[in-house]
Protein backbone atom coordinates (compact mmCIF):
# COMPACT_ATOMS: atom_id res chain seq x y z
CA MET A 1 -14.88 -24.39 -8.38
CA ARG A 2 -14.31 -26.51 -11.37
CA ALA A 3 -13.34 -29.33 -9.17
CA LEU A 4 -16.65 -29.51 -7.47
CA ASN A 5 -18.09 -31.25 -10.16
CA VAL A 6 -16.13 -34.43 -9.17
CA ARG A 7 -15.61 -34.38 -5.65
CA PRO A 8 -18.15 -35.66 -3.40
CA GLU A 9 -16.65 -33.74 -0.23
CA ALA A 10 -18.24 -30.28 0.81
CA VAL A 11 -15.73 -27.35 0.15
CA THR A 12 -16.00 -24.35 2.67
CA LEU A 13 -13.66 -21.36 3.04
CA LEU A 14 -13.40 -20.16 6.55
CA PRO A 15 -11.77 -16.67 6.86
CA LEU A 16 -8.83 -16.15 9.39
CA GLY A 17 -8.06 -12.81 10.64
CA ILE A 18 -4.73 -12.00 12.22
CA THR A 19 -4.29 -8.49 14.09
CA TYR A 20 -1.39 -6.80 16.11
CA THR A 21 -2.00 -4.95 18.75
CA TYR A 22 0.47 -2.95 21.13
CA PRO A 23 -0.25 -3.42 25.19
CA THR A 24 1.47 -0.29 25.52
CA PRO A 25 1.22 2.16 23.12
CA PRO A 26 4.90 3.04 21.84
CA TRP A 27 4.48 6.56 21.76
CA PRO A 28 7.99 7.56 22.22
CA GLN A 29 9.29 5.39 19.52
CA ILE A 30 6.64 6.95 17.15
CA ASP A 31 7.36 10.36 18.10
CA ARG A 32 11.19 9.50 17.39
CA TRP A 33 10.56 7.98 13.96
CA LEU A 34 8.14 10.83 12.88
CA GLU A 35 10.92 13.29 13.70
CA ARG A 36 13.10 11.19 11.67
CA LEU A 37 10.93 10.94 8.54
CA GLU A 38 10.35 14.62 8.84
CA VAL A 39 14.22 15.41 8.63
CA GLU A 40 14.78 13.27 5.82
CA SER A 41 11.63 14.50 3.99
CA GLY A 42 13.16 17.90 4.48
CA LEU A 43 10.74 19.03 7.27
CA ASP A 44 11.19 20.90 10.28
CA ALA A 45 8.71 19.92 12.93
CA ASN A 46 9.43 23.26 14.79
CA LEU A 47 8.34 25.17 11.57
CA LEU A 48 4.98 23.14 10.77
CA PRO A 49 1.62 25.11 11.29
CA THR A 50 -0.06 24.56 14.28
CA ASN A 51 -3.55 24.85 12.49
CA HIS A 52 -2.98 22.44 9.12
CA LEU A 53 -5.81 21.79 7.44
CA ALA A 54 -6.46 18.60 8.89
CA SER A 55 -10.20 18.25 10.26
CA PRO A 56 -10.22 17.62 13.93
CA LEU A 57 -9.91 13.59 15.06
CA PRO A 58 -13.29 11.91 15.17
CA THR A 59 -14.94 11.13 18.44
CA ALA A 60 -12.85 9.51 20.80
CA THR A 61 -12.79 5.65 21.03
CA ASP A 62 -12.49 3.21 24.04
CA LEU A 63 -9.07 2.23 22.91
CA GLU A 64 -7.62 6.20 22.85
CA PRO A 65 -9.99 7.92 25.09
CA ASN A 66 -7.63 10.90 25.41
CA TRP A 67 -7.29 11.81 21.60
CA GLN A 68 -9.59 14.07 21.91
CA THR A 69 -8.57 16.26 24.80
CA ASP A 70 -4.84 15.84 24.55
CA PRO A 71 -2.87 18.36 22.52
CA ALA A 72 0.08 16.22 22.14
CA MET A 73 -1.93 13.69 20.21
CA GLN A 74 -3.86 16.26 18.21
CA ARG A 75 -0.17 17.44 17.27
CA ARG A 76 1.08 14.15 16.43
CA TYR A 77 -2.03 13.88 14.01
CA GLN A 78 -1.55 16.88 12.35
CA ARG A 79 2.42 15.97 11.90
CA LEU A 80 1.64 12.79 10.56
CA LEU A 81 -0.67 13.81 8.08
CA ILE A 82 1.30 17.05 7.11
CA LEU A 83 4.14 14.18 6.29
CA GLY A 84 2.25 12.06 4.03
CA GLU A 85 0.90 15.01 2.38
CA HIS A 86 4.36 16.29 1.76
CA LEU A 87 5.69 13.13 0.67
CA LEU A 88 2.60 12.74 -1.99
CA SER A 89 3.58 16.42 -3.07
CA VAL A 90 6.95 15.66 -3.79
CA MET A 91 6.29 12.49 -5.84
CA GLU A 92 3.59 14.23 -7.92
CA ALA A 93 6.36 16.86 -8.62
CA TYR A 94 8.76 14.09 -9.43
CA TYR A 95 6.42 12.09 -12.04
CA HIS A 96 4.98 15.26 -13.43
CA ARG A 97 8.39 16.49 -14.00
CA VAL A 98 10.17 13.14 -15.08
CA TYR A 99 7.37 11.47 -17.18
CA GLN A 100 4.82 14.70 -17.84
CA MET A 101 2.18 12.66 -15.99
CA PRO A 102 -1.07 14.78 -15.42
CA LEU A 103 -1.31 15.07 -11.83
CA LEU A 104 -3.68 16.55 -9.57
CA SER A 105 -1.98 20.22 -8.00
CA GLU A 106 -1.66 20.80 -4.20
CA GLY A 107 -3.96 23.55 -4.98
CA THR A 108 -7.05 21.56 -5.82
CA ILE A 109 -7.01 20.66 -2.02
CA GLN A 110 -9.91 21.90 -0.56
CA THR A 111 -10.04 23.44 2.55
CA GLY A 112 -12.18 20.95 5.11
CA ALA A 113 -11.83 17.96 2.62
CA VAL A 114 -8.34 16.96 2.76
CA ASP A 115 -8.78 13.46 3.53
CA THR A 116 -11.07 12.87 0.60
CA ASP A 117 -8.72 15.09 -1.80
CA LEU A 118 -5.72 12.79 -0.64
CA GLY A 119 -7.74 9.92 -1.46
CA GLU A 120 -7.95 10.83 -4.91
CA ARG A 121 -4.35 12.33 -5.26
CA LEU A 122 -3.28 9.02 -4.02
CA GLU A 123 -5.17 7.02 -6.59
CA THR A 124 -4.10 9.51 -9.77
CA LEU A 125 -0.09 8.93 -8.24
CA ARG A 126 -0.47 5.10 -7.97
CA ASN A 127 -1.83 5.00 -11.93
CA ALA A 128 1.04 7.42 -12.97
CA ALA A 129 3.46 5.20 -11.21
CA LEU A 130 1.85 1.92 -12.67
CA GLN A 131 2.00 3.55 -16.25
CA VAL A 132 5.33 4.46 -16.02
CA ALA A 133 6.29 0.78 -15.73
CA GLU A 134 3.79 -0.19 -18.14
CA THR A 135 4.74 1.69 -20.56
CA TYR A 136 8.16 0.59 -20.63
CA PHE A 137 6.96 -3.08 -20.57
CA GLN A 138 4.47 -2.59 -23.22
CA LEU A 139 1.62 -3.82 -20.76
CA PRO A 140 -2.10 -2.77 -21.25
CA PRO A 141 -3.60 -1.03 -17.66
CA ARG A 142 -6.07 -3.68 -16.97
CA GLY A 143 -7.08 -4.52 -13.60
CA ASN A 144 -7.10 -2.88 -10.12
CA ALA A 145 -3.58 -1.82 -9.18
CA ILE A 146 -2.91 -5.27 -7.12
CA ASP A 147 -3.28 -6.93 -10.79
CA ARG A 148 -1.26 -4.72 -12.38
CA CYS A 149 1.84 -4.72 -10.18
CA ARG A 150 1.77 -8.52 -10.61
CA ARG A 151 1.94 -8.17 -14.31
CA ILE A 152 4.72 -5.55 -13.96
CA GLU A 153 6.64 -7.82 -11.98
CA GLN A 154 6.16 -10.95 -14.04
CA ALA A 155 7.57 -8.77 -16.88
CA GLY A 156 10.55 -7.43 -15.25
CA TRP A 157 11.65 -11.22 -14.04
CA GLU A 158 11.33 -12.41 -17.50
CA ARG A 159 13.57 -9.67 -18.59
CA ILE A 160 16.27 -10.38 -15.47
CA PHE A 161 16.23 -14.27 -15.63
CA ARG A 162 15.84 -14.51 -19.59
CA GLN A 163 15.03 -18.09 -20.37
CA ASP A 164 17.29 -18.12 -23.56
CA LEU A 165 20.50 -17.15 -21.42
CA ALA A 166 19.78 -20.29 -19.09
CA THR A 167 20.85 -22.92 -21.74
CA GLU A 168 24.44 -24.06 -21.68
CA GLN A 169 25.46 -22.41 -24.89
CA PRO A 170 28.47 -20.19 -24.32
CA VAL A 171 27.12 -16.48 -24.55
CA SER A 172 29.68 -13.53 -25.77
CA THR A 173 30.76 -11.04 -23.13
CA VAL A 174 29.02 -8.28 -25.34
CA ALA A 175 25.86 -10.19 -25.44
CA ARG A 176 25.95 -10.75 -21.44
CA GLY A 177 26.71 -7.40 -21.17
CA LEU A 178 23.59 -6.07 -23.04
CA ALA A 179 21.59 -8.98 -21.03
CA ASP A 180 22.67 -7.19 -17.94
CA ARG A 181 21.91 -3.29 -19.09
CA GLU A 182 18.41 -4.94 -19.72
CA ALA A 183 18.04 -6.44 -16.20
CA GLU A 184 18.98 -3.37 -14.66
CA GLU A 185 16.44 -1.42 -17.05
CA ALA A 186 13.84 -3.88 -16.15
CA ASP A 187 14.92 -3.24 -12.28
CA LEU A 188 14.56 0.35 -12.32
CA ARG A 189 11.01 0.24 -13.76
CA MET A 190 9.89 -2.33 -11.35
CA TRP A 191 10.81 0.03 -8.58
CA HIS A 192 7.60 2.14 -9.81
CA MET A 193 5.61 -0.72 -8.89
CA ARG A 194 7.31 -1.40 -5.53
CA LEU A 195 6.40 2.04 -4.73
CA VAL A 196 2.99 1.21 -5.64
CA GLU A 197 2.56 -1.73 -3.72
CA ASN A 198 3.22 0.55 -0.59
CA PHE A 199 0.80 3.17 -1.90
CA VAL A 200 -2.29 0.78 -2.05
CA ALA A 201 -2.14 0.38 1.51
CA VAL A 202 -2.59 3.85 2.27
CA THR A 203 -5.88 5.84 2.49
CA GLY A 204 -6.60 9.22 3.61
CA GLN A 205 -8.85 8.32 6.22
CA TYR A 206 -7.44 5.16 7.55
CA VAL A 207 -6.10 6.79 11.11
CA ARG A 208 -9.14 9.00 11.33
CA GLU A 209 -11.85 6.15 11.20
CA ARG A 210 -10.40 4.84 14.10
CA PRO A 211 -7.51 6.54 15.71
CA THR A 212 -5.57 3.95 17.60
CA ALA A 213 -2.00 3.47 18.49
CA GLU A 214 -2.00 0.09 16.02
CA ARG A 215 -2.67 2.38 13.05
CA PHE A 216 -1.18 5.08 13.73
CA ALA A 217 1.87 3.13 13.71
CA GLU A 218 0.95 1.18 10.55
CA THR A 219 1.01 4.41 8.67
CA LEU A 220 3.78 5.68 9.90
CA LEU A 221 5.80 2.37 9.12
CA ILE A 222 4.07 2.68 5.71
CA LEU A 223 5.73 5.97 5.21
CA ARG A 224 8.94 4.84 6.50
CA ASP A 225 8.93 2.42 3.60
CA ILE A 226 8.19 4.65 0.93
CA VAL A 227 10.80 6.71 1.87
CA CYS A 228 13.55 4.13 2.03
CA LEU A 229 12.24 3.23 -1.33
CA ILE A 230 13.20 6.60 -2.79
CA GLU A 231 16.42 6.72 -0.88
CA GLY A 232 17.43 3.30 -2.59
CA GLU A 233 17.49 1.15 0.31
CA ASN A 234 15.48 -1.94 1.13
CA PRO A 235 12.63 -1.14 3.71
CA TYR A 236 12.98 -4.86 5.38
CA PRO A 237 12.90 -5.78 7.69
CA ARG A 238 10.76 -3.16 9.34
CA PRO A 239 11.85 -1.56 13.04
CA LYS A 240 10.21 -3.05 15.80
CA LEU A 241 8.20 -0.36 17.51
CA GLY A 242 7.34 -2.23 20.88
CA PRO A 243 6.30 -5.69 22.12
CA GLN A 244 2.62 -6.65 20.11
CA VAL A 245 0.45 -9.28 20.83
CA ALA A 246 -1.34 -11.29 17.77
CA VAL A 247 -4.86 -12.09 17.85
CA VAL A 248 -6.38 -14.73 15.55
CA THR A 249 -10.08 -13.82 14.51
CA VAL A 250 -12.30 -17.00 13.16
CA GLY A 251 -15.07 -15.61 11.08
CA GLU A 252 -18.18 -17.49 9.52
CA PRO A 253 -17.65 -20.04 7.06
CA ILE A 254 -18.09 -19.56 3.60
CA SER A 255 -19.45 -22.26 1.80
CA VAL A 256 -18.25 -22.60 -1.93
CA SER A 257 -20.36 -25.89 -2.56
CA ASP A 258 -23.31 -24.12 -2.18
CA ARG A 259 -22.34 -21.72 -5.24
CA TRP A 260 -21.89 -24.32 -7.90
CA PRO A 261 -25.20 -23.74 -9.45
CA THR A 262 -24.32 -20.16 -9.97
CA TYR A 263 -20.54 -20.89 -11.33
CA GLN A 264 -22.25 -23.34 -13.62
CA ALA A 265 -24.49 -20.39 -14.95
CA ASN A 266 -21.95 -17.81 -15.05
CA ARG A 267 -18.46 -18.81 -13.72
CA LYS A 268 -16.95 -15.21 -13.93
CA GLN A 269 -19.72 -13.89 -11.88
CA ALA A 270 -19.48 -16.62 -9.49
CA ILE A 271 -15.81 -16.13 -8.87
CA ALA A 272 -16.05 -12.72 -8.63
CA GLN A 273 -18.81 -12.75 -6.09
CA LEU A 274 -16.81 -15.25 -3.72
CA THR A 275 -13.62 -13.01 -3.82
CA ALA A 276 -15.96 -10.11 -2.75
CA ASP A 277 -17.45 -12.02 0.29
CA LEU A 278 -14.56 -13.51 1.30
CA GLN A 279 -12.78 -9.71 1.12
CA THR A 280 -15.63 -8.59 3.19
CA ALA A 281 -15.41 -11.13 5.53
CA LEU A 282 -11.81 -10.55 5.86
CA GLU A 283 -12.34 -6.68 6.19
CA GLY A 284 -14.58 -6.99 8.72
CA MET A 285 -11.99 -9.22 11.21
CA ILE A 286 -9.65 -6.08 10.94
């Protein structure tokens, strides 16, 4: 925004939203991946409870008119929630056992409030994973999860690609071996950051808020990414569940020039407000 003081042109941000839809809901592919993730996570779909803590789906939407009346849809949703909750419990136990992190236990879940509790547990798990990496890199836990991930990533790259080793000066095999060990340690700690990057996109109510095939598939693929990371595999490229259509939405222009007086009075507040307005506009197009 500082350049607005010397440039005569008006500056405007135009929000663009891109969403992907399935012309035909890929339920067979979704079911196959759901079953595969259940097996890899140690769940048996035949033994899953038919009356889980999951509350019923909200009123059916025009996009998916049979969610409320189709038992298969209800069952599929319950299996997705059970899978997500199971993975969450497994990771809570891991961070508590290995790193002694204080995490919400499964016993804190209250009947009828699963989505809320899942959100709280996810936030606690994200914070625990980031703390493990931040402690190793000696970083303060400042900002939101995305900011913390970027600082961890930067610290990791600095240890993996050390500038003092980039010169043409000869390096002994012992020094090179220790540098390699340092890089390996940094990469191991960055694993926690990569895990959080996937968990950032998970909420306890995403599918319930709008129970479409697109949201179901996206949540399932996020869980699949997490399982791949836990198993030590690269989650990309993602599997294709079916043909998709891209829809581009153009939002209302946001004037940056009009905010110059506010920027002069309070730079930090002006930037924060512009960022918040842009985020609101983009979220409204999803």
